[in-house]
Amino acid sequence: MREREKQGRAGLLLLLLLLAAAAIWGQKSLLSAAGPQGQGSLAAYGAASGAVYAWPKRLAADSEALFAWRHYQKQLAEAAAEIKVGIYCTHSSESYISFSGQAKVYGEQGGVYRAAAQLAASLNAEGIGTVLSETIHDWPDWNKSYANSLATAEGLLAAYPQLQVLIDMHRDAGVSREASVCEINGKKAARIMLVCGSAQRYDNDNWQENEAFMQRLAAKMEELYPGLLRRVAVQAGRYNQHIFNHAILVEMGSTENHIDEVEYSASLLAEVLRQTLAEEAN
């Protein structure tokens, strides 16, 4: 009997350690989507936001399994503290015609996710912890896109208390290819527009701080990569930016850009963000 109990406890400990390792890995990479519906993905934020699962009462308070569980919770908290940038896509289906064959791929992740993923990868490579939500927000009802992405944005802020920047990645439309492309260091790049939501139609106490931050990004972009920035646009919508004072909407090129131009610009934007955040920290 004692041998069976011992084997059972060892098996439980191994299972908990495997679950902990899987969860830690997930927190340090991408937040997984729940599929085209995008519902339920916020459950991934639970542990990182401080949620502690009820411990089975039948296990002793000094058991090895409980020790492993507490260590797992500590590692989750430490991983969350490393994340400084959160990225999501309100209009998940937005894409580039040469990449997808159409401007939108409803129910799927469009080309904007390639831009978002490249930005996240570049920031992580620079030592700036970044998380990208893969939740699809604009399917099946486009009109609920911002309501859906608001839940994601709030979840990111709750899960990662040290977040410094919250980015909503889009691509523009109705802009000619000529106006969408520039050349940076001998390579074609998709031009970038930063959009700031105002308080014209809805309450938004953060809009002036958000605009000031975008203007600092714009100045750094012009300094490092002249011509990459199209402009900083202040518009009547608030674009979920009322929940954070470093929330930006990025229009990464337009429908006419090629995906290599988009990804190149995303890597350039990562350097702009890195230098701007470094200056703000000093």
Protein backbone atom coordinates (compact mmCIF):
# COMPACT_ATOMS: atom_id res chain seq x y z
CA MET A 1 0.00 0.00 0.00
CA ARG A 2 2.77 2.44 0.93
CA GLU A 3 4.54 1.69 -2.32
CA ARG A 4 1.36 2.48 -4.30
CA GLU A 5 0.90 5.73 -2.39
CA LYS A 6 4.49 6.66 -3.07
CA GLN A 7 4.10 5.94 -6.79
CA GLY A 8 0.85 7.90 -6.89
CA ARG A 9 2.45 10.97 -5.30
CA ALA A 10 5.42 10.76 -7.66
CA GLY A 11 3.09 10.55 -10.64
CA LEU A 12 1.09 13.56 -9.46
CA LEU A 13 4.26 15.59 -8.92
CA LEU A 14 5.48 14.75 -12.43
CA LEU A 15 2.12 15.77 -13.92
CA LEU A 16 2.17 19.12 -12.10
CA LEU A 17 5.71 19.84 -13.23
CA LEU A 18 4.80 19.07 -16.83
CA LEU A 19 1.75 21.34 -16.61
CA ALA A 20 3.86 24.08 -15.07
CA ALA A 21 6.50 23.84 -17.80
CA ALA A 22 3.83 23.97 -20.51
CA ALA A 23 2.14 26.96 -18.93
CA ILE A 24 5.40 28.87 -18.47
CA TRP A 25 6.34 28.25 -22.10
CA GLY A 26 2.92 29.47 -23.23
CA GLN A 27 3.17 32.68 -21.22
CA LYS A 28 6.55 33.49 -22.74
CA SER A 29 5.39 32.92 -26.30
CA LEU A 30 2.06 33.68 -27.93
CA LEU A 31 -1.36 33.76 -26.32
CA SER A 32 -3.30 31.09 -28.16
CA ALA A 33 -6.60 31.83 -29.82
CA ALA A 34 -9.63 29.69 -29.15
CA GLY A 35 -10.31 29.44 -32.89
CA PRO A 36 -12.23 31.69 -35.29
CA GLN A 37 -14.76 32.56 -32.61
CA GLY A 38 -11.97 33.92 -30.44
CA GLN A 39 -13.98 33.17 -27.30
CA GLY A 40 -12.35 31.66 -24.26
CA SER A 41 -8.81 32.76 -25.07
CA LEU A 42 -8.86 35.12 -22.10
CA ALA A 43 -8.73 32.09 -19.85
CA ALA A 44 -5.02 32.01 -20.69
CA TYR A 45 -4.64 35.22 -18.76
CA GLY A 46 -5.95 33.74 -15.49
CA ALA A 47 -2.81 32.36 -13.94
CA ALA A 48 -0.62 35.28 -15.02
CA SER A 49 -3.05 37.80 -13.54
CA GLY A 50 -2.70 36.27 -10.10
CA ALA A 51 -5.43 33.64 -10.12
CA VAL A 52 -4.54 30.74 -7.83
CA TYR A 53 -6.34 27.47 -8.34
CA ALA A 54 -7.83 25.79 -5.27
CA TRP A 55 -5.43 23.29 -3.79
CA PRO A 56 -6.90 19.79 -3.21
CA LYS A 57 -7.49 19.46 0.55
CA ARG A 58 -6.54 15.80 0.55
CA LEU A 59 -2.88 16.68 -0.09
CA ALA A 60 -0.73 17.58 2.88
CA ALA A 61 0.33 21.21 3.28
CA ASP A 62 3.99 20.16 3.30
CA SER A 63 3.81 17.79 0.33
CA GLU A 64 6.34 17.91 -2.51
CA ALA A 65 3.50 18.45 -4.97
CA LEU A 66 2.34 21.56 -3.10
CA PHE A 67 5.89 22.90 -3.10
CA ALA A 68 6.04 22.38 -6.89
CA TRP A 69 2.69 24.09 -7.32
CA ARG A 70 3.77 27.17 -5.38
CA HIS A 71 7.00 27.32 -7.36
CA TYR A 72 4.92 27.16 -10.55
CA GLN A 73 2.79 30.12 -9.40
CA LYS A 74 5.93 32.13 -8.63
CA GLN A 75 7.39 31.40 -12.06
CA LEU A 76 4.17 32.51 -13.76
CA ALA A 77 4.28 35.81 -11.86
CA GLU A 78 7.93 36.35 -12.78
CA ALA A 79 7.24 35.60 -16.44
CA ALA A 80 4.34 38.06 -16.47
CA ALA A 81 6.54 40.78 -14.96
CA GLU A 82 8.92 40.50 -17.92
CA ILE A 83 6.26 41.48 -20.48
CA LYS A 84 6.50 45.16 -21.45
CA VAL A 85 4.57 45.28 -24.75
CA GLY A 86 1.19 43.76 -25.60
CA ILE A 87 -0.05 43.44 -29.19
CA TYR A 88 -3.44 42.49 -30.60
CA CYS A 89 -5.40 42.99 -33.83
CA THR A 90 -8.94 44.38 -33.64
CA HIS A 91 -9.54 43.80 -37.35
CA SER A 92 -7.96 40.39 -37.44
CA SER A 93 -8.96 39.67 -41.04
CA GLU A 94 -7.20 42.69 -42.57
CA SER A 95 -4.60 41.63 -45.10
CA TYR A 96 -2.62 42.65 -48.17
CA ILE A 97 -3.90 41.86 -51.65
CA SER A 98 -0.62 40.48 -52.98
CA PHE A 99 -0.34 38.25 -49.91
CA SER A 100 -3.89 36.90 -49.52
CA GLY A 101 -5.38 37.64 -52.93
CA GLN A 102 -7.94 39.87 -51.23
CA ALA A 103 -8.09 42.71 -48.72
CA LYS A 104 -9.75 40.69 -45.94
CA VAL A 105 -9.84 37.01 -45.01
CA TYR A 106 -12.90 36.81 -42.77
CA GLY A 107 -12.69 34.34 -39.92
CA GLU A 108 -8.93 34.03 -40.31
CA GLN A 109 -5.79 35.87 -39.29
CA GLY A 110 -4.88 38.17 -42.16
CA GLY A 111 -1.57 39.71 -43.14
CA VAL A 112 -1.72 42.14 -40.22
CA TYR A 113 -0.80 39.18 -38.02
CA ARG A 114 2.41 38.73 -39.98
CA ALA A 115 3.21 42.35 -39.16
CA ALA A 116 2.25 41.87 -35.51
CA ALA A 117 4.27 38.65 -35.21
CA GLN A 118 7.35 40.27 -36.76
CA LEU A 119 7.06 43.23 -34.39
CA ALA A 120 6.75 40.88 -31.40
CA ALA A 121 9.70 38.76 -32.55
CA SER A 122 11.90 41.81 -33.14
CA LEU A 123 11.06 43.30 -29.74
CA ASN A 124 11.70 40.01 -27.95
CA ALA A 125 15.03 39.71 -29.76
CA GLU A 126 15.95 43.14 -28.38
CA GLY A 127 15.17 41.99 -24.85
CA ILE A 128 11.79 43.71 -24.61
CA GLY A 129 9.30 41.10 -23.43
CA THR A 130 6.34 41.13 -25.81
CA VAL A 131 3.16 39.10 -25.99
CA LEU A 132 0.88 38.78 -29.01
CA SER A 133 -2.77 37.78 -28.68
CA GLU A 134 -3.98 35.59 -31.53
CA THR A 135 -7.66 36.09 -30.75
CA ILE A 136 -9.83 36.83 -33.79
CA HIS A 137 -12.10 39.78 -33.03
CA ASP A 138 -13.95 40.68 -36.24
CA TRP A 139 -15.74 37.41 -36.94
CA PRO A 140 -18.57 36.62 -37.24
CA ASP A 141 -19.72 40.23 -36.62
CA TRP A 142 -17.43 43.01 -37.86
CA ASN A 143 -19.45 45.60 -35.94
CA LYS A 144 -18.42 43.99 -32.65
CA SER A 145 -14.70 44.10 -33.42
CA TYR A 146 -13.79 46.81 -30.93
CA ALA A 147 -16.06 45.43 -28.21
CA ASN A 148 -14.37 42.06 -28.64
CA SER A 149 -10.85 43.46 -28.72
CA LEU A 150 -11.56 45.59 -25.65
CA ALA A 151 -11.86 42.38 -23.64
CA THR A 152 -8.50 41.25 -25.02
CA ALA A 153 -6.85 44.59 -24.26
CA GLU A 154 -8.18 44.60 -20.71
CA GLY A 155 -7.03 41.01 -20.31
CA LEU A 156 -3.50 41.91 -21.40
CA LEU A 157 -3.35 44.79 -18.93
CA ALA A 158 -4.60 42.56 -16.12
CA ALA A 159 -2.25 39.70 -16.96
CA TYR A 160 0.87 41.81 -17.39
CA PRO A 161 0.98 44.56 -14.75
CA GLN A 162 4.33 45.91 -15.98
CA LEU A 163 3.02 46.58 -19.49
CA GLN A 164 4.42 49.81 -20.97
CA VAL A 165 2.86 49.83 -24.45
CA LEU A 166 -0.38 48.41 -25.84
CA ILE A 167 -0.49 48.12 -29.64
CA ASP A 168 -3.47 47.46 -31.91
CA MET A 169 -2.09 46.44 -35.33
CA HIS A 170 -4.04 47.35 -38.50
CA ARG A 171 -3.37 48.09 -42.14
CA ASP A 172 -4.81 51.04 -44.05
CA ALA A 173 -6.94 51.00 -47.22
CA GLY A 174 -7.63 53.40 -50.05
CA VAL A 175 -3.98 54.48 -50.21
CA SER A 176 -2.10 54.13 -53.49
CA ARG A 177 0.95 51.91 -53.69
CA GLU A 178 3.09 54.91 -54.43
CA ALA A 179 2.01 56.55 -51.19
CA SER A 180 2.33 53.27 -49.24
CA VAL A 181 5.98 52.51 -50.00
CA CYS A 182 9.24 54.18 -49.08
CA GLU A 183 12.88 53.12 -49.20
CA ILE A 184 14.86 52.66 -46.00
CA ASN A 185 18.54 51.65 -46.21
CA GLY A 186 18.08 50.47 -49.78
CA LYS A 187 15.01 48.30 -49.06
CA LYS A 188 11.35 48.95 -49.75
CA ALA A 189 9.26 49.41 -46.61
CA ALA A 190 5.56 49.84 -45.88
CA ARG A 191 4.87 53.33 -44.59
CA ILE A 192 3.35 53.64 -41.13
CA MET A 193 0.56 55.80 -39.77
CA LEU A 194 -0.10 56.14 -36.03
CA VAL A 195 -3.71 56.77 -35.03
CA CYS A 196 -4.79 58.40 -31.78
CA GLY A 197 -8.40 58.27 -30.63
CA SER A 198 -9.69 61.52 -29.14
CA ALA A 199 -12.48 62.43 -26.73
CA GLN A 200 -14.64 63.98 -29.45
CA ARG A 201 -17.38 61.34 -29.37
CA TYR A 202 -16.65 59.28 -26.24
CA ASP A 203 -14.96 59.86 -22.90
CA ASN A 204 -11.23 59.28 -23.18
CA ASP A 205 -9.13 60.77 -20.42
CA ASN A 206 -5.95 59.24 -21.82
CA TRP A 207 -6.03 60.61 -25.34
CA GLN A 208 -3.63 63.52 -24.82
CA GLU A 209 -1.05 61.29 -23.15
CA ASN A 210 -1.47 58.77 -25.95
CA GLU A 211 -0.97 61.47 -28.57
CA ALA A 212 2.13 62.78 -26.79
CA PHE A 213 3.59 59.28 -26.74
CA MET A 214 2.83 58.79 -30.44
CA GLN A 215 4.45 62.11 -31.24
CA ARG A 216 7.61 60.95 -29.44
CA LEU A 217 7.52 57.75 -31.48
CA ALA A 218 6.99 59.80 -34.65
CA ALA A 219 9.97 62.04 -33.88
CA LYS A 220 12.19 59.02 -33.26
CA MET A 221 10.94 57.39 -36.46
CA GLU A 222 11.79 60.47 -38.48
CA GLU A 223 15.21 60.62 -36.84
CA LEU A 224 16.08 56.99 -37.55
CA TYR A 225 14.15 56.27 -40.75
CA PRO A 226 13.09 59.43 -42.61
CA GLY A 227 10.02 58.83 -44.78
CA LEU A 228 8.78 55.73 -42.92
CA LEU A 229 6.10 57.71 -41.09
CA ARG A 230 3.08 58.88 -43.04
CA ARG A 231 1.62 60.89 -40.16
CA VAL A 232 0.11 60.86 -36.69
CA ALA A 233 -3.66 61.10 -37.09
CA VAL A 234 -5.98 62.20 -34.27
CA GLN A 235 -9.45 60.86 -35.02
CA ALA A 236 -12.89 60.96 -33.40
CA GLY A 237 -13.08 57.29 -32.39
CA ARG A 238 -11.34 56.24 -29.20
CA TYR A 239 -10.21 52.75 -30.39
CA ASN A 240 -10.04 51.25 -26.89
CA GLN A 241 -7.29 53.71 -26.02
CA HIS A 242 -9.28 55.05 -23.08
CA ILE A 243 -8.04 52.16 -20.91
CA PHE A 244 -4.32 52.94 -21.10
CA ASN A 245 -2.06 55.96 -21.52
CA HIS A 246 0.46 54.28 -23.84
CA ALA A 247 -2.05 52.71 -26.25
CA ILE A 248 -1.38 53.14 -29.96
CA LEU A 249 -3.07 52.06 -33.16
CA VAL A 250 -0.60 51.23 -35.94
CA GLU A 251 -1.65 51.28 -39.59
CA MET A 252 1.09 49.12 -41.09
CA GLY A 253 1.07 50.04 -44.75
CA SER A 254 -2.00 49.59 -46.92
CA THR A 255 -3.67 46.92 -49.01
CA GLU A 256 -1.12 47.54 -51.80
CA ASN A 257 1.98 46.64 -49.81
CA HIS A 258 3.89 43.39 -50.19
CA ILE A 259 4.38 41.23 -47.12
CA ASP A 260 8.18 41.59 -47.12
CA GLU A 261 7.75 45.38 -46.99
CA VAL A 262 5.34 45.01 -44.09
CA GLU A 263 7.61 42.72 -42.09
CA TYR A 264 10.60 44.98 -42.72
CA SER A 265 8.69 47.98 -41.41
CA ALA A 266 7.61 46.01 -38.35
CA SER A 267 11.26 45.34 -37.53
CA LEU A 268 12.04 49.03 -37.98
CA LEU A 269 9.16 49.99 -35.68
CA ALA A 270 10.60 47.64 -33.05
CA GLU A 271 13.82 49.65 -33.03
CA VAL A 272 11.86 52.89 -32.78
CA LEU A 273 9.99 51.53 -29.78
CA ARG A 274 13.16 50.21 -28.17
CA GLN A 275 14.95 53.55 -28.34
CA THR A 276 11.89 55.55 -27.28
CA LEU A 277 11.26 53.35 -24.24
CA ALA A 278 14.94 53.49 -23.32
CA GLU A 279 14.86 57.29 -23.40
CA GLU A 280 11.70 57.40 -21.31
CA ALA A 281 13.34 55.16 -18.70
CA ASN A 282 16.24 57.61 -18.25
